[in-house]
Amino acid sequence: MRAVTILSMLAALGLAGCSKEPSFDERYAAESNRIEGMAANMQAQLDEQLNASAAAGRLALPIDENDVADNATAEP
């Protein structure tokens, strides 16, 4: 009787541990969302620091992403 109980418990644990792993597309979407969230947070922190520096008069010129000559994302 104990053997049957132990075997049934092991079988139940084995089935409970089997779960479908996320597909590549699901993992990609989740990672993409996580990275985009981190990028948005970084941009918000940079904007906050730039605004604080501008308010304190520590910036010589206002910084605009289009003013940066080597900015790879800026359009000509």
PDB file of N, CA and C in Angstrom:
ATOM      1  N   MET A   1       0.823  -1.185   0.000  1.00  0.00           N
ATOM      2  CA  MET A   1       0.000   0.000   0.000  1.00  0.00           C
ATOM      3  C   MET A   1       0.877   1.262   0.000  1.00  0.00           C
ATOM      4  N   ARG A   2       1.924   1.244   0.819  1.00  0.00           N
ATOM      5  CA  ARG A   2       2.821   2.404   0.839  1.00  0.00           C
ATOM      6  C   ARG A   2       3.477   2.614  -0.518  1.00  0.00           C
ATOM      7  N   ALA A   3       3.857   1.532  -1.150  1.00  0.00           N
ATOM      8  CA  ALA A   3       4.515   1.632  -2.450  1.00  0.00           C
ATOM      9  C   ALA A   3       3.602   2.289  -3.471  1.00  0.00           C
ATOM     10  N   VAL A   4       2.326   1.940  -3.444  1.00  0.00           N
ATOM     11  CA  VAL A   4       1.366   2.536  -4.374  1.00  0.00           C
ATOM     12  C   VAL A   4       1.207   4.023  -4.068  1.00  0.00           C
ATOM     13  N   THR A   5       1.132   4.377  -2.820  1.00  0.00           N
ATOM     14  CA  THR A   5       0.995   5.771  -2.426  1.00  0.00           C
ATOM     15  C   THR A   5       2.222   6.575  -2.848  1.00  0.00           C
ATOM     16  N   ILE A   6       3.387   6.025  -2.615  1.00  0.00           N
ATOM     17  CA  ILE A   6       4.626   6.714  -2.987  1.00  0.00           C
ATOM     18  C   ILE A   6       4.715   6.869  -4.492  1.00  0.00           C
ATOM     19  N   LEU A   7       4.395   5.821  -5.234  1.00  0.00           N
ATOM     20  CA  LEU A   7       4.435   5.897  -6.695  1.00  0.00           C
ATOM     21  C   LEU A   7       3.421   6.913  -7.229  1.00  0.00           C
ATOM     22  N   SER A   8       2.239   6.938  -6.648  1.00  0.00           N
ATOM     23  CA  SER A   8       1.235   7.894  -7.118  1.00  0.00           C
ATOM     24  C   SER A   8       1.656   9.331  -6.796  1.00  0.00           C
ATOM     25  N   MET A   9       2.299   9.532  -5.657  1.00  0.00           N
ATOM     26  CA  MET A   9       2.780  10.875  -5.315  1.00  0.00           C
ATOM     27  C   MET A   9       3.895  11.302  -6.260  1.00  0.00           C
ATOM     28  N   LEU A  10       4.824  10.393  -6.578  1.00  0.00           N
ATOM     29  CA  LEU A  10       5.899  10.699  -7.510  1.00  0.00           C
ATOM     30  C   LEU A  10       5.347  11.001  -8.905  1.00  0.00           C
ATOM     31  N   ALA A  11       4.346  10.258  -9.326  1.00  0.00           N
ATOM     32  CA  ALA A  11       3.731  10.498 -10.633  1.00  0.00           C
ATOM     33  C   ALA A  11       3.054  11.868 -10.654  1.00  0.00           C
ATOM     34  N   ALA A  12       2.366  12.210  -9.570  1.00  0.00           N
ATOM     35  CA  ALA A  12       1.701  13.513  -9.498  1.00  0.00           C
ATOM     36  C   ALA A  12       2.728  14.638  -9.520  1.00  0.00           C
ATOM     37  N   LEU A  13       3.828  14.478  -8.808  1.00  0.00           N
ATOM     38  CA  LEU A  13       4.877  15.495  -8.818  1.00  0.00           C
ATOM     39  C   LEU A  13       5.530  15.607 -10.193  1.00  0.00           C
ATOM     40  N   GLY A  14       5.713  14.462 -10.833  1.00  0.00           N
ATOM     41  CA  GLY A  14       6.299  14.471 -12.164  1.00  0.00           C
ATOM     42  C   GLY A  14       5.417  15.205 -13.165  1.00  0.00           C
ATOM     43  N   LEU A  15       4.120  14.993 -13.095  1.00  0.00           N
ATOM     44  CA  LEU A  15       3.195  15.668 -14.000  1.00  0.00           C
ATOM     45  C   LEU A  15       3.066  17.147 -13.669  1.00  0.00           C
ATOM     46  N   ALA A  16       3.146  17.483 -12.406  1.00  0.00           N
ATOM     47  CA  ALA A  16       3.036  18.886 -12.007  1.00  0.00           C
ATOM     48  C   ALA A  16       4.240  19.684 -12.476  1.00  0.00           C
ATOM     49  N   GLY A  17       5.399  19.055 -12.573  1.00  0.00           N
ATOM     50  CA  GLY A  17       6.614  19.738 -12.988  1.00  0.00           C
ATOM     51  C   GLY A  17       6.706  19.942 -14.490  1.00  0.00           C
ATOM     52  N   CYS A  18       5.887  19.230 -15.244  1.00  0.00           N
ATOM     53  CA  CYS A  18       5.930  19.349 -16.702  1.00  0.00           C
ATOM     54  C   CYS A  18       5.063  20.524 -17.130  1.00  0.00           C
ATOM     55  N   SER A  19       5.693  21.536 -17.598  1.00  0.00           N
ATOM     56  CA  SER A  19       4.936  22.670 -18.117  1.00  0.00           C
ATOM     57  C   SER A  19       5.528  23.054 -19.461  1.00  0.00           C
ATOM     58  N   LYS A  20       4.702  23.585 -20.300  1.00  0.00           N
ATOM     59  CA  LYS A  20       5.148  23.977 -21.632  1.00  0.00           C
ATOM     60  C   LYS A  20       6.066  25.185 -21.517  1.00  0.00           C
ATOM     61  N   GLU A  21       7.239  25.075 -22.113  1.00  0.00           N
ATOM     62  CA  GLU A  21       8.156  26.208 -22.108  1.00  0.00           C
ATOM     63  C   GLU A  21       7.678  27.236 -23.119  1.00  0.00           C
ATOM     64  N   PRO A  22       7.944  28.520 -22.849  1.00  0.00           N
ATOM     65  CA  PRO A  22       7.517  29.544 -23.799  1.00  0.00           C
ATOM     66  C   PRO A  22       8.266  29.407 -25.128  1.00  0.00           C
ATOM     67  N   SER A  23       7.576  29.763 -26.188  1.00  0.00           N
ATOM     68  CA  SER A  23       8.189  29.689 -27.514  1.00  0.00           C
ATOM     69  C   SER A  23       9.217  30.804 -27.667  1.00  0.00           C
ATOM     70  N   PHE A  24       9.969  30.717 -28.751  1.00  0.00           N
ATOM     71  CA  PHE A  24      10.960  31.755 -29.026  1.00  0.00           C
ATOM     72  C   PHE A  24      10.291  33.118 -29.121  1.00  0.00           C
ATOM     73  N   ASP A  25       9.170  33.184 -29.825  1.00  0.00           N
ATOM     74  CA  ASP A  25       8.472  34.459 -30.009  1.00  0.00           C
ATOM     75  C   ASP A  25       7.987  35.037 -28.678  1.00  0.00           C
ATOM     76  N   GLU A  26       7.513  34.165 -27.796  1.00  0.00           N
ATOM     77  CA  GLU A  26       7.065  34.625 -26.479  1.00  0.00           C
ATOM     78  C   GLU A  26       8.236  35.136 -25.650  1.00  0.00           C
ATOM     79  N   ARG A  27       9.352  34.405 -25.678  1.00  0.00           N
ATOM     80  CA  ARG A  27      10.543  34.847 -24.941  1.00  0.00           C
ATOM     81  C   ARG A  27      11.080  36.148 -25.524  1.00  0.00           C
ATOM     82  N   TYR A  28      11.092  36.256 -26.856  1.00  0.00           N
ATOM     83  CA  TYR A  28      11.583  37.473 -27.525  1.00  0.00           C
ATOM     84  C   TYR A  28      10.717  38.673 -27.148  1.00  0.00           C
ATOM     85  N   ALA A  29       9.407  38.501 -27.183  1.00  0.00           N
ATOM     86  CA  ALA A  29       8.496  39.596 -26.845  1.00  0.00           C
ATOM     87  C   ALA A  29       8.676  40.033 -25.393  1.00  0.00           C
ATOM     88  N   ALA A  30       8.814  39.069 -24.501  1.00  0.00           N
ATOM     89  CA  ALA A  30       8.995  39.412 -23.083  1.00  0.00           C
ATOM     90  C   ALA A  30      10.309  40.154 -22.871  1.00  0.00           C
ATOM     91  N   GLU A  31      11.380  39.680 -23.490  1.00  0.00           N
ATOM     92  CA  GLU A  31      12.686  40.333 -23.336  1.00  0.00           C
ATOM     93  C   GLU A  31      12.678  41.710 -23.987  1.00  0.00           C
ATOM     94  N   SER A  32      12.027  41.821 -25.125  1.00  0.00           N
ATOM     95  CA  SER A  32      11.932  43.105 -25.813  1.00  0.00           C
ATOM     96  C   SER A  32      11.189  44.124 -24.943  1.00  0.00           C
ATOM     97  N   ASN A  33      10.093  43.690 -24.341  1.00  0.00           N
ATOM     98  CA  ASN A  33       9.342  44.584 -23.446  1.00  0.00           C
ATOM     99  C   ASN A  33      10.179  45.000 -22.247  1.00  0.00           C
ATOM    100  N   ARG A  34      10.938  44.049 -21.705  1.00  0.00           N
ATOM    101  CA  ARG A  34      11.775  44.356 -20.540  1.00  0.00           C
ATOM    102  C   ARG A  34      12.847  45.377 -20.907  1.00  0.00           C
ATOM    103  N   ILE A  35      13.476  45.196 -22.056  1.00  0.00           N
ATOM    104  CA  ILE A  35      14.536  46.108 -22.489  1.00  0.00           C
ATOM    105  C   ILE A  35      13.969  47.484 -22.817  1.00  0.00           C
ATOM    106  N   GLU A  36      12.813  47.523 -23.477  1.00  0.00           N
ATOM    107  CA  GLU A  36      12.189  48.813 -23.786  1.00  0.00           C
ATOM    108  C   GLU A  36      11.818  49.563 -22.510  1.00  0.00           C
ATOM    109  N   GLY A  37      11.369  48.840 -21.505  1.00  0.00           N
ATOM    110  CA  GLY A  37      11.057  49.462 -20.218  1.00  0.00           C
ATOM    111  C   GLY A  37      12.297  50.033 -19.556  1.00  0.00           C
ATOM    112  N   MET A  38      13.392  49.280 -19.620  1.00  0.00           N
ATOM    113  CA  MET A  38      14.650  49.773 -19.050  1.00  0.00           C
ATOM    114  C   MET A  38      15.132  51.010 -19.803  1.00  0.00           C
ATOM    115  N   ALA A  39      15.006  50.997 -21.120  1.00  0.00           N
ATOM    116  CA  ALA A  39      15.438  52.142 -21.924  1.00  0.00           C
ATOM    117  C   ALA A  39      14.593  53.372 -21.603  1.00  0.00           C
ATOM    118  N   ALA A  40      13.301  53.187 -21.435  1.00  0.00           N
ATOM    119  CA  ALA A  40      12.427  54.309 -21.093  1.00  0.00           C
ATOM    120  C   ALA A  40      12.795  54.887 -19.731  1.00  0.00           C
ATOM    121  N   ASN A  41      13.105  54.005 -18.765  1.00  0.00           N
ATOM    122  CA  ASN A  41      13.522  54.479 -17.445  1.00  0.00           C
ATOM    123  C   ASN A  41      14.831  55.247 -17.517  1.00  0.00           C
ATOM    124  N   MET A  42      15.791  54.743 -18.305  1.00  0.00           N
ATOM    125  CA  MET A  42      17.073  55.433 -18.452  1.00  0.00           C
ATOM    126  C   MET A  42      16.882  56.806 -19.088  1.00  0.00           C
ATOM    127  N   GLN A  43      16.027  56.864 -20.120  1.00  0.00           N
ATOM    128  CA  GLN A  43      15.787  58.137 -20.795  1.00  0.00           C
ATOM    129  C   GLN A  43      15.122  59.132 -19.850  1.00  0.00           C
ATOM    130  N   ALA A  44      14.194  58.658 -19.044  1.00  0.00           N
ATOM    131  CA  ALA A  44      13.527  59.536 -18.083  1.00  0.00           C
ATOM    132  C   ALA A  44      14.531  60.075 -17.058  1.00  0.00           C
ATOM    133  N   GLN A  45      15.442  59.220 -16.601  1.00  0.00           N
ATOM    134  CA  GLN A  45      16.456  59.670 -15.647  1.00  0.00           C
ATOM    135  C   GLN A  45      17.389  60.691 -16.285  1.00  0.00           C
ATOM    136  N   LEU A  46      17.796  60.444 -17.526  1.00  0.00           N
ATOM    137  CA  LEU A  46      18.663  61.398 -18.219  1.00  0.00           C
ATOM    138  C   LEU A  46      17.960  62.733 -18.427  1.00  0.00           C
ATOM    139  N   ASP A  47      16.701  62.674 -18.838  1.00  0.00           N
ATOM    140  CA  ASP A  47      15.941  63.911 -19.035  1.00  0.00           C
ATOM    141  C   ASP A  47      15.819  64.696 -17.731  1.00  0.00           C
ATOM    142  N   GLU A  48      15.579  63.975 -16.643  1.00  0.00           N
ATOM    143  CA  GLU A  48      15.467  64.622 -15.339  1.00  0.00           C
ATOM    144  C   GLU A  48      16.782  65.301 -14.950  1.00  0.00           C
ATOM    145  N   GLN A  49      17.895  64.603 -15.177  1.00  0.00           N
ATOM    146  CA  GLN A  49      19.199  65.176 -14.843  1.00  0.00           C
ATOM    147  C   GLN A  49      19.535  66.374 -15.733  1.00  0.00           C
ATOM    148  N   LEU A  50      19.222  66.271 -17.017  1.00  0.00           N
ATOM    149  CA  LEU A  50      19.476  67.398 -17.921  1.00  0.00           C
ATOM    150  C   LEU A  50      18.632  68.612 -17.553  1.00  0.00           C
ATOM    151  N   ASN A  51      17.373  68.367 -17.208  1.00  0.00           N
ATOM    152  CA  ASN A  51      16.500  69.475 -16.809  1.00  0.00           C
ATOM    153  C   ASN A  51      16.995  70.121 -15.519  1.00  0.00           C
ATOM    154  N   ALA A  52      17.464  69.315 -14.593  1.00  0.00           N
ATOM    155  CA  ALA A  52      17.989  69.857 -13.341  1.00  0.00           C
ATOM    156  C   ALA A  52      19.259  70.663 -13.602  1.00  0.00           C
ATOM    157  N   SER A  53      20.112  70.161 -14.490  1.00  0.00           N
ATOM    158  CA  SER A  53      21.334  70.894 -14.822  1.00  0.00           C
ATOM    159  C   SER A  53      21.007  72.198 -15.533  1.00  0.00           C
ATOM    160  N   ALA A  54      20.045  72.171 -16.424  1.00  0.00           N
ATOM    161  CA  ALA A  54      19.649  73.387 -17.134  1.00  0.00           C
ATOM    162  C   ALA A  54      19.046  74.399 -16.160  1.00  0.00           C
ATOM    163  N   ALA A  55      18.243  73.928 -15.223  1.00  0.00           N
ATOM    164  CA  ALA A  55      17.629  74.814 -14.248  1.00  0.00           C
ATOM    165  C   ALA A  55      18.682  75.435 -13.327  1.00  0.00           C
ATOM    166  N   ALA A  56      19.747  74.703 -13.060  1.00  0.00           N
ATOM    167  CA  ALA A  56      20.805  75.208 -12.186  1.00  0.00           C
ATOM    168  C   ALA A  56      21.803  76.067 -12.961  1.00  0.00           C
ATOM    169  N   GLY A  57      21.631  76.160 -14.271  1.00  0.00           N
ATOM    170  CA  GLY A  57      22.532  76.978 -15.073  1.00  0.00           C
ATOM    171  C   GLY A  57      23.864  76.321 -15.340  1.00  0.00           C
ATOM    172  N   ARG A  58      23.928  75.002 -15.272  1.00  0.00           N
ATOM    173  CA  ARG A  58      25.194  74.307 -15.480  1.00  0.00           C
ATOM    174  C   ARG A  58      25.399  73.863 -16.927  1.00  0.00           C
ATOM    175  N   LEU A  59      24.429  74.119 -17.783  1.00  0.00           N
ATOM    176  CA  LEU A  59      24.568  73.759 -19.186  1.00  0.00           C
ATOM    177  C   LEU A  59      24.855  75.020 -19.986  1.00  0.00           C
ATOM    178  N   ALA A  60      25.854  74.950 -20.849  1.00  0.00           N
ATOM    179  CA  ALA A  60      26.208  76.103 -21.666  1.00  0.00           C
ATOM    180  C   ALA A  60      25.166  76.324 -22.754  1.00  0.00           C
ATOM    181  N   LEU A  61      24.723  75.229 -23.370  1.00  0.00           N
ATOM    182  CA  LEU A  61      23.733  75.304 -24.431  1.00  0.00           C
ATOM    183  C   LEU A  61      22.627  74.300 -24.144  1.00  0.00           C
ATOM    184  N   PRO A  62      21.410  74.599 -24.549  1.00  0.00           N
ATOM    185  CA  PRO A  62      20.361  73.583 -24.397  1.00  0.00           C
ATOM    186  C   PRO A  62      20.694  72.384 -25.283  1.00  0.00           C
ATOM    187  N   ILE A  63      20.511  71.214 -24.753  1.00  0.00           N
ATOM    188  CA  ILE A  63      20.834  70.014 -25.494  1.00  0.00           C
ATOM    189  C   ILE A  63      19.570  69.485 -26.151  1.00  0.00           C
ATOM    190  N   ASP A  64      19.679  69.290 -27.459  1.00  0.00           N
ATOM    191  CA  ASP A  64      18.598  68.708 -28.237  1.00  0.00           C
ATOM    192  C   ASP A  64      19.204  67.560 -29.019  1.00  0.00           C
ATOM    193  N   GLU A  65      18.512  66.442 -29.122  1.00  0.00           N
ATOM    194  CA  GLU A  65      19.103  65.282 -29.785  1.00  0.00           C
ATOM    195  C   GLU A  65      19.458  65.575 -31.238  1.00  0.00           C
ATOM    196  N   ASN A  66      18.808  66.532 -31.864  1.00  0.00           N
ATOM    197  CA  ASN A  66      19.127  66.869 -33.250  1.00  0.00           C
ATOM    198  C   ASN A  66      20.371  67.744 -33.345  1.00  0.00           C
ATOM    199  N   ASP A  67      20.814  68.324 -32.234  1.00  0.00           N
ATOM    200  CA  ASP A  67      22.008  69.157 -32.237  1.00  0.00           C
ATOM    201  C   ASP A  67      23.291  68.356 -32.153  1.00  0.00           C
ATOM    202  N   VAL A  68      23.181  67.104 -31.756  1.00  0.00           N
ATOM    203  CA  VAL A  68      24.359  66.257 -31.600  1.00  0.00           C
ATOM    204  C   VAL A  68      24.739  65.701 -32.967  1.00  0.00           C
ATOM    205  N   ALA A  69      25.940  66.025 -33.425  1.00  0.00           N
ATOM    206  CA  ALA A  69      26.359  65.667 -34.777  1.00  0.00           C
ATOM    207  C   ALA A  69      26.551  64.163 -34.953  1.00  0.00           C
ATOM    208  N   ASP A  70      27.038  63.491 -33.933  1.00  0.00           N
ATOM    209  CA  ASP A  70      27.327  62.067 -34.104  1.00  0.00           C
ATOM    210  C   ASP A  70      26.231  61.177 -33.554  1.00  0.00           C
ATOM    211  N   ASN A  71      25.045  61.702 -33.359  1.00  0.00           N
ATOM    212  CA  ASN A  71      23.932  60.898 -32.870  1.00  0.00           C
ATOM    213  C   ASN A  71      23.449  60.018 -34.007  1.00  0.00           C
ATOM    214  N   ALA A  72      23.571  58.712 -33.844  1.00  0.00           N
ATOM    215  CA  ALA A  72      23.240  57.777 -34.906  1.00  0.00           C
ATOM    216  C   ALA A  72      21.739  57.736 -35.199  1.00  0.00           C
ATOM    217  N   THR A  73      20.922  58.126 -34.220  1.00  0.00           N
ATOM    218  CA  THR A  73      19.478  58.060 -34.433  1.00  0.00           C
ATOM    219  C   THR A  73      18.920  59.353 -35.006  1.00  0.00           C
ATOM    220  N   ALA A  74      19.684  60.410 -34.982  1.00  0.00           N
ATOM    221  CA  ALA A  74      19.185  61.693 -35.492  1.00  0.00           C
ATOM    222  C   ALA A  74      19.129  61.660 -37.008  1.00  0.00           C
ATOM    223  N   GLU A  75      18.045  62.181 -37.535  1.00  0.00           N
ATOM    224  CA  GLU A  75      17.898  62.245 -38.985  1.00  0.00           C
ATOM    225  C   GLU A  75      18.518  63.537 -39.494  1.00  0.00           C
ATOM    226  N   PRO A  76      19.148  63.495 -40.661  1.00  0.00           N
ATOM    227  CA  PRO A  76      19.795  64.694 -41.188  1.00  0.00           C
ATOM    228  C   PRO A  76      18.801  65.765 -41.584  1.00  0.00           C
TER     229      PRO A  76
END
